[in-house]
All heavy atoms as atom14 arrays in JSON, in Angstrom:
{
  "sequence": "PAGAYFWFLTYADPTGTTVVAGPYPFTVVAPTRPTGVFAVSP",
  "atom14_mask": [
    [1, 1, 1, 1, 1, 1, 1, 0, 0, 0, 0, 0, 0, 0],
    [1, 1, 1, 1, 1, 0, 0, 0, 0, 0, 0, 0, 0, 0],
    [1, 1, 1, 1, 0, 0, 0, 0, 0, 0, 0, 0, 0, 0],
    [1, 1, 1, 1, 1, 0, 0, 0, 0, 0, 0, 0, 0, 0],
    [1, 1, 1, 1, 1, 1, 1, 1, 1, 1, 1, 1, 0, 0],
    [1, 1, 1, 1, 1, 1, 1, 1, 1, 1, 1, 0, 0, 0],
    [1, 1, 1, 1, 1, 1, 1, 1, 1, 1, 1, 1, 1, 1],
    [1, 1, 1, 1, 1, 1, 1, 1, 1, 1, 1, 0, 0, 0],
    [1, 1, 1, 1, 1, 1, 1, 1, 0, 0, 0, 0, 0, 0],
    [1, 1, 1, 1, 1, 1, 1, 0, 0, 0, 0, 0, 0, 0],
    [1, 1, 1, 1, 1, 1, 1, 1, 1, 1, 1, 1, 0, 0],
    [1, 1, 1, 1, 1, 0, 0, 0, 0, 0, 0, 0, 0, 0],
    [1, 1, 1, 1, 1, 1, 1, 1, 0, 0, 0, 0, 0, 0],
    [1, 1, 1, 1, 1, 1, 1, 0, 0, 0, 0, 0, 0, 0],
    [1, 1, 1, 1, 1, 1, 1, 0, 0, 0, 0, 0, 0, 0],
    [1, 1, 1, 1, 0, 0, 0, 0, 0, 0, 0, 0, 0, 0],
    [1, 1, 1, 1, 1, 1, 1, 0, 0, 0, 0, 0, 0, 0],
    [1, 1, 1, 1, 1, 1, 1, 0, 0, 0, 0, 0, 0, 0],
    [1, 1, 1, 1, 1, 1, 1, 0, 0, 0, 0, 0, 0, 0],
    [1, 1, 1, 1, 1, 1, 1, 0, 0, 0, 0, 0, 0, 0],
    [1, 1, 1, 1, 1, 0, 0, 0, 0, 0, 0, 0, 0, 0],
    [1, 1, 1, 1, 0, 0, 0, 0, 0, 0, 0, 0, 0, 0],
    [1, 1, 1, 1, 1, 1, 1, 0, 0, 0, 0, 0, 0, 0],
    [1, 1, 1, 1, 1, 1, 1, 1, 1, 1, 1, 1, 0, 0],
    [1, 1, 1, 1, 1, 1, 1, 0, 0, 0, 0, 0, 0, 0],
    [1, 1, 1, 1, 1, 1, 1, 1, 1, 1, 1, 0, 0, 0],
    [1, 1, 1, 1, 1, 1, 1, 0, 0, 0, 0, 0, 0, 0],
    [1, 1, 1, 1, 1, 1, 1, 0, 0, 0, 0, 0, 0, 0],
    [1, 1, 1, 1, 1, 1, 1, 0, 0, 0, 0, 0, 0, 0],
    [1, 1, 1, 1, 1, 0, 0, 0, 0, 0, 0, 0, 0, 0],
    [1, 1, 1, 1, 1, 1, 1, 0, 0, 0, 0, 0, 0, 0],
    [1, 1, 1, 1, 1, 1, 1, 0, 0, 0, 0, 0, 0, 0],
    [1, 1, 1, 1, 1, 1, 1, 1, 1, 1, 1, 0, 0, 0],
    [1, 1, 1, 1, 1, 1, 1, 0, 0, 0, 0, 0, 0, 0],
    [1, 1, 1, 1, 1, 1, 1, 0, 0, 0, 0, 0, 0, 0],
    [1, 1, 1, 1, 0, 0, 0, 0, 0, 0, 0, 0, 0, 0],
    [1, 1, 1, 1, 1, 1, 1, 0, 0, 0, 0, 0, 0, 0],
    [1, 1, 1, 1, 1, 1, 1, 1, 1, 1, 1, 0, 0, 0],
    [1, 1, 1, 1, 1, 0, 0, 0, 0, 0, 0, 0, 0, 0],
    [1, 1, 1, 1, 1, 1, 1, 0, 0, 0, 0, 0, 0, 0],
    [1, 1, 1, 1, 1, 1, 0, 0, 0, 0, 0, 0, 0, 0],
    [1, 1, 1, 1, 1, 1, 1, 0, 0, 0, 0, 0, 0, 0]
  ],
  "atom14_positions": [
    [[11.4, 74.69, -20.76], [11.32, 73.21, -20.64], [9.91, 72.81, -20.53], [8.98, 73.7, -20.11], [12.13, 72.97, -19.48], [12.95, 74.08, -19.19], [12.2, 75.34, -19.68], [0.0, 0.0, 0.0], [0.0, 0.0, 0.0], [0.0, 0.0, 0.0], [0.0, 0.0, 0.0], [0.0, 0.0, 0.0], [0.0, 0.0, 0.0], [0.0, 0.0, 0.0]],
    [[9.6, 71.52, -20.88], [8.21, 71.08, -20.77], [7.78, 71.15, -19.24], [8.61, 70.82, -18.34], [8.09, 69.66, -21.27], [0.0, 0.0, 0.0], [0.0, 0.0, 0.0], [0.0, 0.0, 0.0], [0.0, 0.0, 0.0], [0.0, 0.0, 0.0], [0.0, 0.0, 0.0], [0.0, 0.0, 0.0], [0.0, 0.0, 0.0], [0.0, 0.0, 0.0]],
    [[6.53, 71.56, -19.0], [6.16, 71.57, -17.64], [4.98, 72.45, -17.52], [4.43, 73.14, -18.52], [0.0, 0.0, 0.0], [0.0, 0.0, 0.0], [0.0, 0.0, 0.0], [0.0, 0.0, 0.0], [0.0, 0.0, 0.0], [0.0, 0.0, 0.0], [0.0, 0.0, 0.0], [0.0, 0.0, 0.0], [0.0, 0.0, 0.0], [0.0, 0.0, 0.0]],
    [[4.42, 72.83, -16.22], [3.35, 73.54, -15.89], [3.86, 74.88, -15.48], [4.79, 75.07, -14.73], [2.45, 72.94, -14.83], [0.0, 0.0, 0.0], [0.0, 0.0, 0.0], [0.0, 0.0, 0.0], [0.0, 0.0, 0.0], [0.0, 0.0, 0.0], [0.0, 0.0, 0.0], [0.0, 0.0, 0.0], [0.0, 0.0, 0.0], [0.0, 0.0, 0.0]],
    [[3.15, 76.09, -16.09], [3.66, 77.44, -15.79], [2.35, 78.33, -15.58], [1.24, 77.87, -15.8], [4.4, 77.87, -16.94], [5.72, 77.27, -17.08], [5.76, 76.08, -18.11], [6.91, 77.65, -16.52], [7.01, 75.48, -18.29], [8.05, 76.99, -16.79], [8.11, 75.87, -17.68], [9.26, 75.32, -17.87], [0.0, 0.0, 0.0], [0.0, 0.0, 0.0]],
    [[2.69, 79.46, -15.05], [1.61, 80.52, -14.98], [2.28, 81.79, -15.6], [3.46, 81.89, -15.47], [1.27, 80.88, -13.46], [0.66, 79.58, -12.77], [1.53, 78.67, -12.18], [-0.67, 79.61, -12.61], [0.96, 77.67, -11.53], [-1.22, 78.42, -11.85], [-0.41, 77.48, -11.37], [0.0, 0.0, 0.0], [0.0, 0.0, 0.0], [0.0, 0.0, 0.0]],
    [[1.46, 82.59, -16.24], [1.94, 83.8, -16.59], [0.97, 85.02, -16.18], [-0.19, 84.81, -15.94], [2.15, 83.86, -18.2], [0.96, 83.99, -19.04], [0.17, 82.82, -19.43], [0.44, 85.02, -19.75], [-0.85, 83.22, -20.28], [-0.81, 84.63, -20.47], [0.75, 86.4, -19.79], [-1.55, 85.42, -21.27], [0.04, 87.2, -20.61], [-1.11, 86.82, -21.41]],
    [[1.57, 86.23, -16.01], [0.9, 87.36, -15.52], [1.22, 88.67, -16.42], [2.35, 88.55, -17.11], [1.45, 87.78, -14.18], [1.49, 86.63, -13.13], [2.37, 85.68, -13.06], [0.37, 86.65, -12.08], [2.44, 84.71, -12.16], [0.49, 85.54, -11.19], [1.49, 84.62, -11.23], [0.0, 0.0, 0.0], [0.0, 0.0, 0.0], [0.0, 0.0, 0.0]],
    [[0.35, 89.59, -16.47], [0.68, 90.8, -17.08], [0.56, 91.85, -16.05], [-0.29, 92.04, -15.26], [-0.34, 91.14, -18.18], [-0.43, 92.62, -18.7], [0.86, 92.84, -19.47], [-1.61, 92.8, -19.57], [0.0, 0.0, 0.0], [0.0, 0.0, 0.0], [0.0, 0.0, 0.0], [0.0, 0.0, 0.0], [0.0, 0.0, 0.0], [0.0, 0.0, 0.0]],
    [[1.67, 92.7, -15.98], [1.73, 93.82, -15.11], [1.79, 95.14, -15.98], [2.49, 95.12, -17.09], [2.67, 93.83, -14.1], [4.05, 93.82, -14.85], [2.73, 92.59, -13.09], [0.0, 0.0, 0.0], [0.0, 0.0, 0.0], [0.0, 0.0, 0.0], [0.0, 0.0, 0.0], [0.0, 0.0, 0.0], [0.0, 0.0, 0.0], [0.0, 0.0, 0.0]],
    [[1.1, 96.23, -15.56], [1.27, 97.65, -16.22], [0.69, 98.6, -15.26], [0.39, 98.37, -14.23], [0.46, 97.56, -17.51], [-1.08, 97.32, -17.16], [-1.86, 98.5, -17.17], [-1.58, 96.09, -17.17], [-3.18, 98.33, -16.8], [-3.04, 96.09, -16.89], [-3.84, 97.17, -16.76], [-5.16, 97.04, -16.55], [0.0, 0.0, 0.0], [0.0, 0.0, 0.0]],
    [[1.11, 99.79, -15.64], [0.69, 101.03, -14.87], [-0.48, 101.58, -15.44], [-0.44, 102.02, -16.71], [1.84, 102.0, -14.6], [0.0, 0.0, 0.0], [0.0, 0.0, 0.0], [0.0, 0.0, 0.0], [0.0, 0.0, 0.0], [0.0, 0.0, 0.0], [0.0, 0.0, 0.0], [0.0, 0.0, 0.0], [0.0, 0.0, 0.0], [0.0, 0.0, 0.0]],
    [[-1.55, 101.92, -14.62], [-2.67, 102.55, -15.21], [-2.48, 104.08, -15.26], [-1.41, 104.64, -14.73], [-3.98, 102.23, -14.42], [-3.85, 102.65, -13.1], [-3.17, 103.51, -12.69], [-4.8, 102.35, -12.3], [0.0, 0.0, 0.0], [0.0, 0.0, 0.0], [0.0, 0.0, 0.0], [0.0, 0.0, 0.0], [0.0, 0.0, 0.0], [0.0, 0.0, 0.0]],
    [[-3.33, 104.97, -15.78], [-3.11, 106.41, -15.77], [-2.81, 107.01, -14.41], [-2.22, 108.08, -14.45], [-4.42, 106.94, -16.32], [-4.99, 105.78, -17.22], [-4.67, 104.6, -16.38], [0.0, 0.0, 0.0], [0.0, 0.0, 0.0], [0.0, 0.0, 0.0], [0.0, 0.0, 0.0], [0.0, 0.0, 0.0], [0.0, 0.0, 0.0], [0.0, 0.0, 0.0]],
    [[-3.25, 106.43, -13.41], [-2.99, 107.0, -12.0], [-1.58, 106.55, -11.56], [-1.15, 106.98, -10.45], [-3.98, 106.59, -10.99], [-3.82, 105.21, -10.7], [-5.48, 106.9, -11.55], [0.0, 0.0, 0.0], [0.0, 0.0, 0.0], [0.0, 0.0, 0.0], [0.0, 0.0, 0.0], [0.0, 0.0, 0.0], [0.0, 0.0, 0.0], [0.0, 0.0, 0.0]],
    [[-0.85, 105.61, -12.34], [0.47, 105.23, -11.78], [0.33, 103.96, -10.96], [1.47, 103.43, -10.38], [0.0, 0.0, 0.0], [0.0, 0.0, 0.0], [0.0, 0.0, 0.0], [0.0, 0.0, 0.0], [0.0, 0.0, 0.0], [0.0, 0.0, 0.0], [0.0, 0.0, 0.0], [0.0, 0.0, 0.0], [0.0, 0.0, 0.0], [0.0, 0.0, 0.0]],
    [[-0.78, 103.33, -10.79], [-1.06, 102.22, -9.99], [-0.61, 100.97, -10.76], [-0.89, 100.82, -11.88], [-2.49, 102.11, -9.6], [-2.93, 103.29, -8.85], [-2.72, 100.83, -8.71], [0.0, 0.0, 0.0], [0.0, 0.0, 0.0], [0.0, 0.0, 0.0], [0.0, 0.0, 0.0], [0.0, 0.0, 0.0], [0.0, 0.0, 0.0], [0.0, 0.0, 0.0]],
    [[0.11, 100.07, -10.13], [0.42, 98.92, -10.74], [-0.7, 97.97, -10.81], [-1.36, 97.62, -9.78], [1.65, 98.21, -9.9], [2.79, 99.11, -9.98], [2.0, 96.81, -10.54], [0.0, 0.0, 0.0], [0.0, 0.0, 0.0], [0.0, 0.0, 0.0], [0.0, 0.0, 0.0], [0.0, 0.0, 0.0], [0.0, 0.0, 0.0], [0.0, 0.0, 0.0]],
    [[-1.08, 97.41, -11.95], [-2.14, 96.49, -12.22], [-1.65, 95.29, -12.53], [-0.61, 94.99, -13.27], [-3.02, 97.0, -13.32], [-4.17, 96.1, -13.52], [-3.52, 98.46, -12.98], [0.0, 0.0, 0.0], [0.0, 0.0, 0.0], [0.0, 0.0, 0.0], [0.0, 0.0, 0.0], [0.0, 0.0, 0.0], [0.0, 0.0, 0.0], [0.0, 0.0, 0.0]],
    [[-2.2, 94.05, -11.96], [-1.68, 92.78, -12.25], [-2.9, 91.94, -12.87], [-3.97, 91.94, -12.28], [-1.27, 91.95, -10.99], [-0.72, 90.61, -11.34], [-0.09, 92.81, -10.24], [0.0, 0.0, 0.0], [0.0, 0.0, 0.0], [0.0, 0.0, 0.0], [0.0, 0.0, 0.0], [0.0, 0.0, 0.0], [0.0, 0.0, 0.0], [0.0, 0.0, 0.0]],
    [[-2.67, 91.47, -14.08], [-3.74, 90.53, -14.71], [-3.13, 89.17, -14.67], [-1.96, 88.91, -15.05], [-3.89, 91.06, -16.14], [0.0, 0.0, 0.0], [0.0, 0.0, 0.0], [0.0, 0.0, 0.0], [0.0, 0.0, 0.0], [0.0, 0.0, 0.0], [0.0, 0.0, 0.0], [0.0, 0.0, 0.0], [0.0, 0.0, 0.0], [0.0, 0.0, 0.0]],
    [[-3.88, 88.27, -14.18], [-3.53, 86.95, -14.08], [-3.71, 86.32, -12.68], [-4.33, 87.11, -11.82], [0.0, 0.0, 0.0], [0.0, 0.0, 0.0], [0.0, 0.0, 0.0], [0.0, 0.0, 0.0], [0.0, 0.0, 0.0], [0.0, 0.0, 0.0], [0.0, 0.0, 0.0], [0.0, 0.0, 0.0], [0.0, 0.0, 0.0], [0.0, 0.0, 0.0]],
    [[-3.1, 85.21, -12.33], [-2.35, 84.34, -13.23], [-3.09, 83.57, -14.19], [-4.35, 83.16, -13.85], [-1.65, 83.45, -12.15], [-2.65, 83.22, -11.12], [-3.33, 84.66, -10.93], [0.0, 0.0, 0.0], [0.0, 0.0, 0.0], [0.0, 0.0, 0.0], [0.0, 0.0, 0.0], [0.0, 0.0, 0.0], [0.0, 0.0, 0.0], [0.0, 0.0, 0.0]],
    [[-2.41, 83.2, -15.26], [-3.07, 82.23, -16.32], [-2.25, 81.0, -16.36], [-1.1, 80.97, -16.82], [-3.03, 83.04, -17.64], [-3.62, 84.32, -17.59], [-2.86, 85.41, -17.98], [-4.98, 84.76, -17.23], [-3.27, 86.75, -17.94], [-5.47, 85.95, -17.19], [-4.54, 87.0, -17.61], [-5.05, 88.37, -17.59], [0.0, 0.0, 0.0], [0.0, 0.0, 0.0]],
    [[-2.77, 79.88, -16.0], [-2.05, 78.64, -15.99], [-1.92, 78.14, -17.53], [-2.83, 78.3, -18.29], [-2.86, 77.66, -15.17], [-4.28, 78.2, -15.41], [-4.21, 79.7, -15.49], [0.0, 0.0, 0.0], [0.0, 0.0, 0.0], [0.0, 0.0, 0.0], [0.0, 0.0, 0.0], [0.0, 0.0, 0.0], [0.0, 0.0, 0.0], [0.0, 0.0, 0.0]],
    [[-0.8, 77.62, -17.84], [-0.54, 76.87, -19.2], [0.4, 75.88, -19.08], [1.21, 75.87, -18.04], [-0.22, 78.04, -20.22], [1.18, 78.5, -20.15], [2.21, 78.04, -20.95], [1.38, 79.53, -19.17], [3.5, 78.59, -20.89], [2.63, 80.11, -19.17], [3.65, 79.59, -19.95], [0.0, 0.0, 0.0], [0.0, 0.0, 0.0], [0.0, 0.0, 0.0]],
    [[0.47, 75.03, -20.07], [1.37, 73.9, -19.98], [2.21, 73.91, -21.16], [1.73, 74.06, -22.37], [0.54, 72.52, -19.96], [-0.17, 72.52, -18.67], [1.68, 71.31, -19.87], [0.0, 0.0, 0.0], [0.0, 0.0, 0.0], [0.0, 0.0, 0.0], [0.0, 0.0, 0.0], [0.0, 0.0, 0.0], [0.0, 0.0, 0.0], [0.0, 0.0, 0.0]],
    [[3.61, 73.77, -21.04], [4.56, 73.66, -22.23], [4.67, 72.18, -22.5], [5.1, 71.38, -21.58], [5.77, 74.27, -21.91], [6.83, 73.98, -22.95], [5.67, 75.74, -21.66], [0.0, 0.0, 0.0], [0.0, 0.0, 0.0], [0.0, 0.0, 0.0], [0.0, 0.0, 0.0], [0.0, 0.0, 0.0], [0.0, 0.0, 0.0], [0.0, 0.0, 0.0]],
    [[4.5, 71.71, -23.71], [4.52, 70.46, -24.1], [5.82, 70.14, -24.87], [6.15, 70.98, -25.78], [3.39, 69.91, -25.05], [3.5, 68.54, -25.57], [2.02, 70.21, -24.33], [0.0, 0.0, 0.0], [0.0, 0.0, 0.0], [0.0, 0.0, 0.0], [0.0, 0.0, 0.0], [0.0, 0.0, 0.0], [0.0, 0.0, 0.0], [0.0, 0.0, 0.0]],
    [[6.63, 69.22, -24.55], [7.76, 68.85, -25.15], [7.58, 68.57, -26.65], [6.63, 67.8, -27.07], [8.5, 67.73, -24.57], [0.0, 0.0, 0.0], [0.0, 0.0, 0.0], [0.0, 0.0, 0.0], [0.0, 0.0, 0.0], [0.0, 0.0, 0.0], [0.0, 0.0, 0.0], [0.0, 0.0, 0.0], [0.0, 0.0, 0.0], [0.0, 0.0, 0.0]],
    [[8.3, 69.14, -27.57], [8.26, 68.89, -29.05], [8.59, 67.33, -29.32], [9.37, 66.66, -28.61], [9.01, 69.75, -29.62], [10.09, 70.06, -28.72], [9.49, 70.09, -27.41], [0.0, 0.0, 0.0], [0.0, 0.0, 0.0], [0.0, 0.0, 0.0], [0.0, 0.0, 0.0], [0.0, 0.0, 0.0], [0.0, 0.0, 0.0], [0.0, 0.0, 0.0]],
    [[8.06, 66.8, -30.28], [8.31, 65.46, -30.69], [9.15, 65.46, -32.0], [8.98, 66.27, -32.93], [7.07, 64.65, -30.97], [6.28, 65.24, -31.95], [6.22, 64.47, -29.69], [0.0, 0.0, 0.0], [0.0, 0.0, 0.0], [0.0, 0.0, 0.0], [0.0, 0.0, 0.0], [0.0, 0.0, 0.0], [0.0, 0.0, 0.0], [0.0, 0.0, 0.0]],
    [[10.07, 64.54, -32.05], [11.02, 64.49, -33.2], [10.29, 64.21, -34.47], [9.57, 63.23, -34.55], [12.08, 63.39, -32.95], [13.24, 63.38, -33.96], [14.12, 62.19, -33.59], [15.38, 62.26, -34.33], [16.53, 62.85, -34.06], [16.68, 63.54, -33.01], [17.56, 62.8, -35.04], [0.0, 0.0, 0.0], [0.0, 0.0, 0.0], [0.0, 0.0, 0.0]],
    [[10.47, 64.97, -35.62], [9.69, 64.67, -36.7], [10.1, 63.29, -37.38], [11.23, 62.78, -37.26], [10.17, 65.84, -37.76], [10.6, 66.93, -36.79], [11.14, 66.1, -35.64], [0.0, 0.0, 0.0], [0.0, 0.0, 0.0], [0.0, 0.0, 0.0], [0.0, 0.0, 0.0], [0.0, 0.0, 0.0], [0.0, 0.0, 0.0], [0.0, 0.0, 0.0]],
    [[9.17, 62.63, -37.93], [9.51, 61.36, -38.6], [9.52, 61.5, -39.99], [9.16, 62.52, -40.68], [8.35, 60.34, -38.37], [7.13, 60.85, -38.88], [8.16, 60.1, -36.96], [0.0, 0.0, 0.0], [0.0, 0.0, 0.0], [0.0, 0.0, 0.0], [0.0, 0.0, 0.0], [0.0, 0.0, 0.0], [0.0, 0.0, 0.0], [0.0, 0.0, 0.0]],
    [[10.18, 60.65, -40.76], [10.29, 60.64, -42.19], [11.52, 61.58, -42.72], [11.41, 62.04, -43.81], [0.0, 0.0, 0.0], [0.0, 0.0, 0.0], [0.0, 0.0, 0.0], [0.0, 0.0, 0.0], [0.0, 0.0, 0.0], [0.0, 0.0, 0.0], [0.0, 0.0, 0.0], [0.0, 0.0, 0.0], [0.0, 0.0, 0.0], [0.0, 0.0, 0.0]],
    [[12.45, 61.73, -41.79], [13.58, 62.53, -42.12], [14.81, 61.71, -42.28], [15.21, 60.89, -41.37], [13.89, 63.64, -41.04], [15.22, 64.42, -41.4], [12.73, 64.55, -40.92], [0.0, 0.0, 0.0], [0.0, 0.0, 0.0], [0.0, 0.0, 0.0], [0.0, 0.0, 0.0], [0.0, 0.0, 0.0], [0.0, 0.0, 0.0], [0.0, 0.0, 0.0]],
    [[15.46, 61.63, -43.51], [16.73, 60.78, -43.54], [17.41, 61.16, -44.78], [16.87, 61.81, -45.83], [16.33, 59.3, -43.66], [15.32, 58.93, -44.74], [15.57, 58.64, -46.13], [13.91, 58.85, -44.38], [14.63, 58.44, -46.94], [13.02, 58.58, -45.35], [13.35, 58.29, -46.59], [0.0, 0.0, 0.0], [0.0, 0.0, 0.0], [0.0, 0.0, 0.0]],
    [[18.65, 61.04, -44.84], [19.57, 61.35, -45.93], [19.38, 60.23, -47.08], [19.24, 59.12, -46.61], [20.96, 61.36, -45.47], [0.0, 0.0, 0.0], [0.0, 0.0, 0.0], [0.0, 0.0, 0.0], [0.0, 0.0, 0.0], [0.0, 0.0, 0.0], [0.0, 0.0, 0.0], [0.0, 0.0, 0.0], [0.0, 0.0, 0.0], [0.0, 0.0, 0.0]],
    [[19.28, 60.58, -48.24], [19.22, 59.74, -49.35], [20.55, 59.38, -50.11], [20.98, 58.21, -50.24], [18.04, 60.16, -50.34], [17.86, 59.21, -51.48], [16.73, 60.46, -49.57], [0.0, 0.0, 0.0], [0.0, 0.0, 0.0], [0.0, 0.0, 0.0], [0.0, 0.0, 0.0], [0.0, 0.0, 0.0], [0.0, 0.0, 0.0], [0.0, 0.0, 0.0]],
    [[21.06, 60.47, -50.63], [22.44, 60.21, -51.44], [23.16, 61.53, -51.3], [22.6, 62.57, -51.22], [21.97, 59.85, -52.83], [21.44, 60.83, -53.58], [0.0, 0.0, 0.0], [0.0, 0.0, 0.0], [0.0, 0.0, 0.0], [0.0, 0.0, 0.0], [0.0, 0.0, 0.0], [0.0, 0.0, 0.0], [0.0, 0.0, 0.0], [0.0, 0.0, 0.0]],
    [[24.43, 61.35, -51.54], [25.2, 60.21, -51.79], [25.46, 59.33, -50.54], [25.18, 59.84, -49.5], [26.56, 60.64, -52.21], [26.62, 62.11, -51.49], [25.26, 62.57, -51.53], [0.0, 0.0, 0.0], [0.0, 0.0, 0.0], [0.0, 0.0, 0.0], [0.0, 0.0, 0.0], [0.0, 0.0, 0.0], [0.0, 0.0, 0.0], [0.0, 0.0, 0.0]]
  ]
}
C-alpha cells in the first residue's frame, strides 16, 4: 500500500556472522488511473 517504508538486507558472511545492511527509507506512491481509456464500439 502507499506509504513510508524501510528495507534491510541480511546475510551471513564467511564466518557465519549475521550482517545487516540498512535501513534504507523509501516511499511507495499510489498509482494513478490512466486517462484516455474507453470503449468505442459496439
